């Protein structure tokens, strides 16, 4: 049975209109949740560029725990997150 996250992923995979995806995300998430998602994306981009976790924490005013999660994901073999960052740069 398809889960809710599967349904969201399926919709996003079928929608090629970036503006429509942005509106979808803005309608689904609160402004605070959007800010948190954007912050997490910024964290992984900075990690990928080689910035230290402590510098990121100071710059973005976030906990090291939040940064460590992103760091672990980027180190995983076959990381889709890493692939996404590479595609966007």
N, C-alpha and C. Protein backbone atom coordinates (compact mmCIF):
# COMPACT_ATOMS: atom_id res chain seq x y z
N UNK A 1 0.84 -1.18 0.00
CA UNK A 1 0.00 0.00 0.00
C UNK A 1 0.89 1.25 0.00
N UNK A 2 0.53 2.20 -0.81
CA UNK A 2 1.31 3.44 -0.93
C UNK A 2 1.10 4.31 0.31
N UNK A 3 2.22 4.75 0.90
CA UNK A 3 2.15 5.62 2.07
C UNK A 3 1.95 7.07 1.63
N UNK A 4 1.70 7.93 2.60
CA UNK A 4 1.53 9.35 2.30
C UNK A 4 2.79 9.94 1.68
N UNK A 5 3.96 9.57 2.21
CA UNK A 5 5.21 10.10 1.65
C UNK A 5 5.42 9.56 0.24
N UNK A 6 5.00 8.32 -0.01
CA UNK A 6 5.08 7.76 -1.37
C UNK A 6 4.21 8.57 -2.33
N UNK A 7 3.02 8.96 -1.87
CA UNK A 7 2.13 9.74 -2.72
C UNK A 7 2.72 11.11 -3.03
N UNK A 8 3.33 11.74 -2.04
CA UNK A 8 3.98 13.04 -2.27
C UNK A 8 5.11 12.88 -3.26
N UNK A 9 5.95 11.86 -3.06
CA UNK A 9 7.07 11.61 -3.96
C UNK A 9 6.57 11.34 -5.37
N UNK A 10 5.50 10.59 -5.48
CA UNK A 10 4.93 10.27 -6.79
C UNK A 10 4.45 11.55 -7.49
N UNK A 11 3.74 12.40 -6.76
CA UNK A 11 3.29 13.66 -7.34
C UNK A 11 4.47 14.49 -7.82
N UNK A 12 5.48 14.64 -6.96
CA UNK A 12 6.65 15.46 -7.33
C UNK A 12 7.37 14.88 -8.54
N UNK A 13 7.40 13.56 -8.64
CA UNK A 13 8.08 12.94 -9.79
C UNK A 13 7.32 13.16 -11.09
N UNK A 14 6.04 13.38 -10.99
CA UNK A 14 5.20 13.59 -12.19
C UNK A 14 5.09 15.06 -12.59
N UNK A 15 5.48 15.96 -11.70
CA UNK A 15 5.32 17.38 -11.93
C UNK A 15 6.67 18.00 -12.30
N UNK A 16 6.76 18.50 -13.52
CA UNK A 16 8.02 19.10 -13.97
C UNK A 16 8.04 20.61 -13.84
N UNK A 17 6.94 21.19 -13.40
CA UNK A 17 6.82 22.63 -13.27
C UNK A 17 7.32 23.07 -11.89
N UNK A 18 8.51 23.67 -11.85
CA UNK A 18 9.13 24.06 -10.57
C UNK A 18 8.24 25.03 -9.80
N UNK A 19 7.55 25.94 -10.48
CA UNK A 19 6.67 26.88 -9.80
C UNK A 19 5.51 26.15 -9.12
N UNK A 20 4.96 25.17 -9.81
CA UNK A 20 3.85 24.40 -9.24
C UNK A 20 4.32 23.60 -8.02
N UNK A 21 5.52 23.06 -8.08
CA UNK A 21 6.07 22.33 -6.95
C UNK A 21 6.28 23.28 -5.77
N UNK A 22 6.79 24.48 -6.05
CA UNK A 22 6.99 25.47 -4.99
C UNK A 22 5.66 25.81 -4.31
N UNK A 23 4.62 26.05 -5.10
CA UNK A 23 3.30 26.36 -4.55
C UNK A 23 2.77 25.18 -3.74
N UNK A 24 2.95 23.98 -4.25
CA UNK A 24 2.53 22.77 -3.54
C UNK A 24 3.19 22.72 -2.16
N UNK A 25 4.50 22.95 -2.11
CA UNK A 25 5.23 22.92 -0.84
C UNK A 25 4.76 24.03 0.09
N UNK A 26 4.52 25.22 -0.46
CA UNK A 26 4.05 26.34 0.36
C UNK A 26 2.64 26.12 0.89
N UNK A 27 1.83 25.38 0.14
CA UNK A 27 0.48 25.08 0.60
C UNK A 27 0.48 23.94 1.64
N UNK A 28 1.45 23.04 1.53
CA UNK A 28 1.50 21.89 2.43
C UNK A 28 2.18 22.22 3.75
N UNK A 29 3.24 23.04 3.70
CA UNK A 29 4.03 23.34 4.89
C UNK A 29 3.79 24.76 5.38
N UNK A 30 3.99 24.95 6.68
CA UNK A 30 3.89 26.29 7.26
C UNK A 30 5.14 27.08 6.87
N UNK A 31 5.10 28.40 7.00
CA UNK A 31 6.30 29.19 6.72
C UNK A 31 7.51 28.74 7.55
N UNK A 32 7.27 28.37 8.80
CA UNK A 32 8.38 27.90 9.65
C UNK A 32 8.95 26.58 9.13
N UNK A 33 8.10 25.69 8.66
CA UNK A 33 8.57 24.42 8.11
C UNK A 33 9.33 24.63 6.81
N UNK A 34 8.86 25.55 5.99
CA UNK A 34 9.56 25.89 4.74
C UNK A 34 10.95 26.44 5.07
N UNK A 35 11.01 27.32 6.07
CA UNK A 35 12.30 27.89 6.48
C UNK A 35 13.24 26.80 6.96
N UNK A 36 12.72 25.84 7.73
CA UNK A 36 13.54 24.75 8.24
C UNK A 36 14.06 23.87 7.09
N UNK A 37 13.22 23.57 6.14
CA UNK A 37 13.64 22.76 4.98
C UNK A 37 14.71 23.50 4.20
N UNK A 38 14.50 24.79 3.97
CA UNK A 38 15.48 25.60 3.23
C UNK A 38 16.80 25.67 3.99
N UNK A 39 16.73 25.78 5.30
CA UNK A 39 17.93 25.81 6.14
C UNK A 39 18.70 24.49 6.04
N UNK A 40 17.98 23.39 6.07
CA UNK A 40 18.62 22.07 5.96
C UNK A 40 19.31 21.92 4.60
N UNK A 41 18.70 22.44 3.55
CA UNK A 41 19.29 22.40 2.22
C UNK A 41 20.58 23.23 2.21
N UNK A 42 20.54 24.39 2.84
CA UNK A 42 21.72 25.25 2.93
C UNK A 42 22.84 24.53 3.69
N UNK A 43 22.48 23.84 4.76
CA UNK A 43 23.46 23.11 5.55
C UNK A 43 24.19 22.07 4.71
N UNK A 44 23.44 21.26 3.98
CA UNK A 44 24.09 20.20 3.20
C UNK A 44 24.91 20.76 2.05
N UNK A 45 24.47 21.88 1.49
CA UNK A 45 25.28 22.51 0.43
C UNK A 45 26.61 23.01 0.99
N UNK A 46 26.56 23.62 2.16
CA UNK A 46 27.79 24.12 2.78
C UNK A 46 28.72 22.96 3.18
N UNK A 47 28.14 21.88 3.68
CA UNK A 47 28.94 20.70 4.01
C UNK A 47 29.62 20.14 2.76
N UNK A 48 28.87 20.07 1.70
CA UNK A 48 29.39 19.53 0.44
C UNK A 48 30.55 20.39 -0.08
N UNK A 49 30.50 21.68 0.19
CA UNK A 49 31.56 22.59 -0.24
C UNK A 49 32.77 22.56 0.70
N UNK A 50 32.67 21.79 1.79
CA UNK A 50 33.81 21.62 2.68
C UNK A 50 33.84 22.50 3.91
N UNK A 51 32.77 23.25 4.14
CA UNK A 51 32.73 24.11 5.33
C UNK A 51 32.58 23.22 6.57
N UNK A 52 33.24 23.59 7.65
CA UNK A 52 33.17 22.78 8.87
C UNK A 52 31.81 22.91 9.55
N UNK A 53 31.48 21.88 10.32
CA UNK A 53 30.20 21.88 11.03
C UNK A 53 30.12 23.04 12.01
N UNK A 54 31.18 23.33 12.69
CA UNK A 54 31.18 24.44 13.66
C UNK A 54 30.98 25.79 12.98
N UNK A 55 31.59 25.99 11.82
CA UNK A 55 31.41 27.25 11.09
C UNK A 55 29.97 27.38 10.61
N UNK A 56 29.40 26.28 10.15
CA UNK A 56 28.01 26.29 9.69
C UNK A 56 27.08 26.61 10.86
N UNK A 57 27.33 25.97 12.00
CA UNK A 57 26.49 26.21 13.19
C UNK A 57 26.52 27.69 13.59
N UNK A 58 27.71 28.28 13.56
CA UNK A 58 27.83 29.69 13.93
C UNK A 58 27.17 30.59 12.90
N UNK A 59 27.37 30.28 11.63
CA UNK A 59 26.83 31.11 10.55
C UNK A 59 25.31 31.07 10.48
N UNK A 60 24.74 29.88 10.63
CA UNK A 60 23.29 29.71 10.46
C UNK A 60 22.52 29.66 11.79
N UNK A 61 23.25 29.70 12.91
CA UNK A 61 22.62 29.65 14.23
C UNK A 61 21.76 28.39 14.40
N UNK A 62 22.37 27.25 14.08
CA UNK A 62 21.70 25.96 14.23
C UNK A 62 22.56 25.04 15.09
N UNK A 63 21.93 23.99 15.62
CA UNK A 63 22.66 23.05 16.47
C UNK A 63 23.55 22.13 15.64
N UNK A 64 24.59 21.64 16.28
CA UNK A 64 25.48 20.69 15.61
C UNK A 64 24.73 19.39 15.28
N UNK A 65 23.73 19.04 16.06
CA UNK A 65 22.94 17.82 15.79
C UNK A 65 22.27 17.90 14.42
N UNK A 66 21.71 19.04 14.10
CA UNK A 66 21.05 19.22 12.82
C UNK A 66 22.06 19.10 11.68
N UNK A 67 23.24 19.62 11.90
CA UNK A 67 24.28 19.58 10.88
C UNK A 67 24.83 18.16 10.74
N UNK A 68 25.00 17.47 11.86
CA UNK A 68 25.53 16.11 11.84
C UNK A 68 24.64 15.19 11.03
N UNK A 69 23.34 15.36 11.13
CA UNK A 69 22.41 14.53 10.35
C UNK A 69 22.69 14.68 8.86
N UNK A 70 22.82 15.91 8.41
CA UNK A 70 23.12 16.16 6.99
C UNK A 70 24.46 15.57 6.59
N UNK A 71 25.43 15.70 7.48
CA UNK A 71 26.77 15.18 7.21
C UNK A 71 26.74 13.66 7.03
N UNK A 72 26.02 12.99 7.91
CA UNK A 72 25.91 11.53 7.82
C UNK A 72 25.24 11.10 6.51
N UNK A 73 24.21 11.82 6.13
CA UNK A 73 23.51 11.47 4.89
C UNK A 73 24.41 11.65 3.67
N UNK A 74 25.20 12.69 3.67
CA UNK A 74 26.11 12.94 2.54
C UNK A 74 27.20 11.88 2.44
N UNK A 75 27.57 11.27 3.56
CA UNK A 75 28.64 10.26 3.57
C UNK A 75 28.16 8.88 3.16
N UNK A 76 26.84 8.67 3.13
CA UNK A 76 26.30 7.36 2.78
C UNK A 76 26.62 7.04 1.32
N UNK A 77 26.94 5.77 1.08
CA UNK A 77 27.19 5.32 -0.28
C UNK A 77 25.89 5.46 -1.09
N UNK A 78 25.98 6.07 -2.24
CA UNK A 78 24.80 6.25 -3.08
C UNK A 78 23.83 7.30 -2.58
N UNK A 79 24.31 8.27 -1.83
CA UNK A 79 23.46 9.31 -1.25
C UNK A 79 22.71 10.09 -2.34
N UNK A 80 21.40 10.04 -2.28
CA UNK A 80 20.56 10.78 -3.22
C UNK A 80 20.66 12.27 -2.92
N UNK A 81 20.83 12.61 -1.66
CA UNK A 81 21.00 14.00 -1.27
C UNK A 81 22.25 14.59 -1.93
N UNK A 82 23.33 13.86 -1.89
CA UNK A 82 24.58 14.29 -2.52
C UNK A 82 24.39 14.43 -4.03
N UNK A 83 23.69 13.49 -4.60
CA UNK A 83 23.40 13.54 -6.04
C UNK A 83 22.59 14.79 -6.39
N UNK A 84 21.62 15.12 -5.55
CA UNK A 84 20.78 16.30 -5.80
C UNK A 84 21.59 17.58 -5.73
N UNK A 85 22.48 17.67 -4.75
CA UNK A 85 23.33 18.86 -4.63
C UNK A 85 24.22 19.01 -5.86
N UNK A 86 24.81 17.90 -6.27
CA UNK A 86 25.69 17.91 -7.45
C UNK A 86 24.93 18.37 -8.69
N UNK A 87 23.70 17.92 -8.85
CA UNK A 87 22.89 18.32 -10.00
C UNK A 87 22.56 19.81 -10.00
N UNK A 88 22.42 20.38 -8.80
CA UNK A 88 22.01 21.78 -8.68
C UNK A 88 23.18 22.75 -8.77
N UNK A 89 24.41 22.27 -8.67
CA UNK A 89 25.57 23.17 -8.69
C UNK A 89 26.07 23.37 -10.10
